């Protein structure tokens, strides 16, 4: 390229108002100096900011207790479930332990009272001890709490409890044949935790007794 051509290009850029800046070429020594510069001398982006320190223990516990209040405000909740929810929110174990103690002191949680109330409700619906245990464990109660709550139901005579439940169902199924009534009641008892042998006997005895009373009354 001739000097004239180069000058013509400079004139063209000047006419366009393009500012000319000198070209600076860094030497290898300059690159070495930049690499050796401490990290805090670099111009940092958003990711270079130092992480904020964790809040003091009392503040962190207060935040965790606030979460517990929000959860238990809608419905009673077991300690096991609360602990899991706090852990899911990245609260460390010492904070969770302290928060749970404060929640117990404030009566925000009471596993024994809650489990006993649930067992009383479910027993009224005919749930057997096996079903009671399963349902309490699903709600994440501690195993000791489960055993204490279910122990009151273990004194029940299993067949008598199943028959009482089957008897009520048999009276509601007089519109279907005896075998269909038996099959439905047997399944109903099984879903409430009664063992197969007890559920089968209770269902058959209940259907038979109900149909026999109905025939006798019709004579």
Protein backbone atom coordinates (compact mmCIF):
# COMPACT_ATOMS: atom_id res chain seq x y z
CA UNK A 1 0.00 0.00 0.00
CA UNK A 2 1.46 3.45 -0.98
CA UNK A 3 1.90 6.40 1.38
CA UNK A 4 -0.65 8.31 -0.65
CA UNK A 5 -3.22 5.62 -0.12
CA UNK A 6 -2.54 5.63 3.67
CA UNK A 7 -2.91 9.44 3.79
CA UNK A 8 -6.16 9.25 1.83
CA UNK A 9 -7.52 6.79 4.40
CA UNK A 10 -6.54 9.10 7.27
CA UNK A 11 -8.28 12.00 5.56
CA UNK A 12 -11.39 9.88 4.98
CA UNK A 13 -11.56 8.91 8.67
CA UNK A 14 -11.05 12.52 9.70
CA UNK A 15 -13.95 13.61 7.48
CA UNK A 16 -16.15 11.02 9.21
CA UNK A 17 -15.19 12.40 12.61
CA UNK A 18 -13.51 9.20 13.75
CA UNK A 19 -11.04 9.97 16.51
CA UNK A 20 -7.70 8.36 16.05
CA UNK A 21 -6.15 6.76 19.10
CA UNK A 22 -2.58 5.55 19.34
CA UNK A 23 -2.15 1.82 19.26
CA UNK A 24 -0.53 0.51 22.45
CA UNK A 25 1.11 -2.88 22.28
CA UNK A 26 1.88 -4.49 25.60
CA UNK A 27 5.17 -6.23 25.99
CA UNK A 28 5.42 -9.73 27.54
CA UNK A 29 6.79 -8.04 30.67
CA UNK A 30 3.52 -6.11 31.05
CA UNK A 31 1.51 -9.36 30.91
CA UNK A 32 3.72 -10.91 33.59
CA UNK A 33 3.22 -7.88 35.85
CA UNK A 34 -0.57 -8.13 35.47
CA UNK A 35 -0.58 -11.85 36.26
CA UNK A 36 1.51 -11.28 39.42
CA UNK A 37 -0.81 -8.54 40.68
CA UNK A 38 -2.77 -9.52 43.88
CA UNK A 39 -6.36 -10.66 43.34
CA UNK A 40 -7.82 -7.66 45.18
CA UNK A 41 -6.11 -5.28 42.71
CA UNK A 42 -8.04 -6.72 39.75
CA UNK A 43 -11.23 -5.03 38.64
CA UNK A 44 -13.80 -7.47 39.95
CA UNK A 45 -17.18 -8.52 38.62
CA UNK A 46 -20.31 -9.48 40.53
CA UNK A 47 -18.79 -12.84 41.49
CA UNK A 48 -15.71 -11.31 43.15
CA UNK A 49 -17.57 -9.95 46.18
CA UNK A 50 -16.69 -11.70 49.44
CA UNK A 51 -19.56 -13.81 50.84
CA UNK A 52 -21.47 -12.15 53.66
CA UNK A 53 -20.82 -13.68 57.08
CA UNK A 54 -23.56 -15.84 58.61
CA UNK A 55 -25.86 -14.07 61.08
CA UNK A 56 -25.15 -14.40 64.82
CA UNK A 57 -26.55 -17.54 66.48
CA UNK A 58 -29.40 -15.73 68.28
CA UNK A 59 -30.49 -14.05 65.06
CA UNK A 60 -30.30 -17.30 63.10
CA UNK A 61 -32.36 -19.12 65.77
CA UNK A 62 -34.93 -16.34 65.69
CA UNK A 63 -35.25 -16.70 61.92
CA UNK A 64 -35.73 -20.45 62.27
CA UNK A 65 -38.40 -20.00 64.96
CA UNK A 66 -40.21 -17.57 62.66
CA UNK A 67 -40.32 -20.31 60.02
CA UNK A 68 -41.74 -22.74 62.60
CA UNK A 69 -44.45 -20.24 63.58
CA UNK A 70 -45.43 -19.81 59.93
CA UNK A 71 -45.65 -23.57 59.33
CA UNK A 72 -47.50 -24.47 62.54
CA UNK A 73 -49.87 -21.53 62.12
CA UNK A 74 -51.72 -23.46 59.43
CA UNK A 75 -51.79 -26.86 61.13
CA UNK A 76 -49.96 -28.73 63.90
CA UNK A 77 -46.76 -30.28 62.60
CA UNK A 78 -44.43 -32.93 64.00
CA UNK A 79 -40.91 -32.07 65.09
CA UNK A 80 -39.49 -34.45 62.50
CA UNK A 81 -41.23 -32.64 59.66
CA UNK A 82 -40.24 -29.22 61.02
CA UNK A 83 -36.60 -30.28 61.29
CA UNK A 84 -36.63 -31.46 57.69
CA UNK A 85 -38.18 -28.21 56.47
CA UNK A 86 -35.60 -26.15 58.35
CA UNK A 87 -32.78 -28.28 56.96
CA UNK A 88 -34.21 -27.76 53.46
CA UNK A 89 -33.81 -24.02 54.10
CA UNK A 90 -30.11 -24.56 54.91
CA UNK A 91 -30.37 -23.92 58.65
CA UNK A 92 -27.41 -25.68 60.34
CA UNK A 93 -28.01 -28.40 62.92
CA UNK A 94 -27.12 -26.29 66.01
CA UNK A 95 -29.59 -23.63 64.92
CA UNK A 96 -32.32 -26.23 64.32
CA UNK A 97 -31.76 -27.79 67.76
CA UNK A 98 -31.98 -24.43 69.51
CA UNK A 99 -35.02 -23.38 67.47
CA UNK A 100 -36.87 -26.61 68.28
CA UNK A 101 -36.20 -26.15 71.99
CA UNK A 102 -37.58 -22.63 71.84
CA UNK A 103 -40.60 -23.88 69.86
CA UNK A 104 -41.29 -26.47 72.56
CA UNK A 105 -40.98 -23.82 75.26
CA UNK A 106 -43.49 -21.66 73.39
CA UNK A 107 -45.84 -24.65 72.89
CA UNK A 108 -45.57 -24.33 69.13
CA UNK A 109 -44.94 -28.08 68.99
CA UNK A 110 -46.01 -30.97 71.23
CA UNK A 111 -45.50 -34.30 69.50
CA UNK A 112 -47.02 -36.47 72.22
CA UNK A 113 -50.22 -34.44 72.43
CA UNK A 114 -50.55 -34.24 68.64
CA UNK A 115 -49.93 -37.96 68.12
CA UNK A 116 -52.40 -38.90 70.87
CA UNK A 117 -55.09 -36.71 69.30
CA UNK A 118 -54.53 -38.25 65.87
CA UNK A 119 -54.67 -41.78 67.26
CA UNK A 120 -57.96 -41.04 69.05
CA UNK A 121 -59.42 -39.66 65.81
CA UNK A 122 -58.22 -42.57 63.70
CA UNK A 123 -59.31 -45.22 66.19
CA UNK A 124 -62.83 -43.82 66.00
CA UNK A 125 -62.65 -44.57 62.29
CA UNK A 126 -61.63 -48.17 62.99
CA UNK A 127 -57.92 -47.96 62.25
CA UNK A 128 -55.90 -50.83 63.69
CA UNK A 129 -52.50 -50.40 65.41
CA UNK A 130 -50.58 -51.29 62.24
CA UNK A 131 -52.34 -48.54 60.27
CA UNK A 132 -51.90 -46.09 63.16
CA UNK A 133 -48.14 -46.64 63.18
CA UNK A 134 -47.87 -46.25 59.41
CA UNK A 135 -49.83 -42.99 59.43
CA UNK A 136 -47.84 -41.50 62.30
CA UNK A 137 -44.54 -42.40 60.63
CA UNK A 138 -45.68 -40.73 57.42
CA UNK A 139 -46.11 -37.56 59.45
CA UNK A 140 -42.47 -37.96 60.56
CA UNK A 141 -43.05 -38.52 64.27
CA UNK A 142 -40.16 -39.93 66.27
CA UNK A 143 -40.41 -43.69 66.82
CA UNK A 144 -40.70 -43.30 70.61
CA UNK A 145 -43.65 -40.94 70.13
CA UNK A 146 -45.28 -43.43 67.76
CA UNK A 147 -44.98 -46.28 70.25
CA UNK A 148 -46.38 -44.23 73.15
CA UNK A 149 -49.34 -43.04 71.10
CA UNK A 150 -50.24 -46.44 69.65
CA UNK A 151 -49.84 -48.35 72.92
CA UNK A 152 -53.36 -47.35 74.00
CA UNK A 153 -54.81 -49.08 70.93
CA UNK A 154 -52.86 -52.29 71.45
CA UNK A 155 -55.02 -53.16 74.45
CA UNK A 156 -58.03 -53.53 72.15
CA UNK A 157 -59.13 -57.05 71.26
CA UNK A 158 -58.33 -57.11 67.51
CA UNK A 159 -61.25 -59.28 66.37
CA UNK A 160 -63.78 -57.39 68.47
CA UNK A 161 -62.59 -54.05 67.11
CA UNK A 162 -62.69 -55.30 63.52
CA UNK A 163 -66.12 -56.87 63.97
CA UNK A 164 -67.59 -53.65 65.41
CA UNK A 165 -66.42 -51.80 62.33
CA UNK A 166 -67.58 -54.53 59.94
CA UNK A 167 -71.00 -54.67 61.58
CA UNK A 168 -71.69 -51.04 60.77
CA UNK A 169 -70.59 -51.52 57.19
CA UNK A 170 -72.70 -54.66 56.76
CA UNK A 171 -75.83 -52.73 57.70
CA UNK A 172 -75.03 -50.21 54.97
CA UNK A 173 -74.62 -52.91 52.29
CA UNK A 174 -77.93 -54.73 52.46
CA UNK A 175 -78.64 -53.58 48.90
CA UNK A 176 -75.90 -55.86 47.49
CA UNK A 177 -75.54 -59.64 47.66
CA UNK A 178 -73.77 -61.21 50.63
CA UNK A 179 -70.58 -62.16 48.75
CA UNK A 180 -70.16 -58.63 47.37
CA UNK A 181 -70.74 -57.18 50.83
CA UNK A 182 -68.15 -59.54 52.31
CA UNK A 183 -65.55 -58.65 49.68
CA UNK A 184 -66.01 -54.91 50.14
CA UNK A 185 -65.95 -55.08 53.94
CA UNK A 186 -62.87 -57.32 53.89
CA UNK A 187 -61.03 -54.77 51.76
CA UNK A 188 -62.28 -51.92 53.95
CA UNK A 189 -60.89 -53.56 57.09
CA UNK A 190 -57.59 -54.33 55.39
CA UNK A 191 -57.11 -50.69 54.39
CA UNK A 192 -57.50 -49.76 58.05
CA UNK A 193 -54.67 -52.02 59.08
CA UNK A 194 -56.50 -55.14 60.23
CA UNK A 195 -54.69 -58.37 59.40
CA UNK A 196 -56.09 -60.51 56.61
CA UNK A 197 -57.30 -63.37 58.84
CA UNK A 198 -59.04 -61.04 61.30
CA UNK A 199 -60.49 -58.90 58.50
CA UNK A 200 -61.82 -61.97 56.71
CA UNK A 201 -63.48 -63.46 59.80
CA UNK A 202 -64.92 -60.15 60.98
CA UNK A 203 -66.32 -59.35 57.55
CA UNK A 204 -67.93 -62.78 57.06
CA UNK A 205 -69.37 -62.87 60.60
CA UNK A 206 -70.76 -59.36 60.27
CA UNK A 207 -72.42 -60.03 56.92
CA UNK A 208 -73.82 -63.37 58.11
CA UNK A 209 -75.18 -61.92 61.36
CA UNK A 210 -76.76 -58.96 59.58
CA UNK A 211 -78.43 -61.10 56.91
CA UNK A 212 -79.63 -63.57 59.55
CA UNK A 213 -81.20 -60.78 61.62
CA UNK A 214 -82.84 -59.42 58.48
CA UNK A 215 -84.36 -62.80 57.62
CA UNK A 216 -85.56 -63.31 61.17
CA UNK A 217 -87.18 -59.88 61.25
CA UNK A 218 -88.99 -60.65 57.96
CA UNK A 219 -90.69 -63.77 59.22
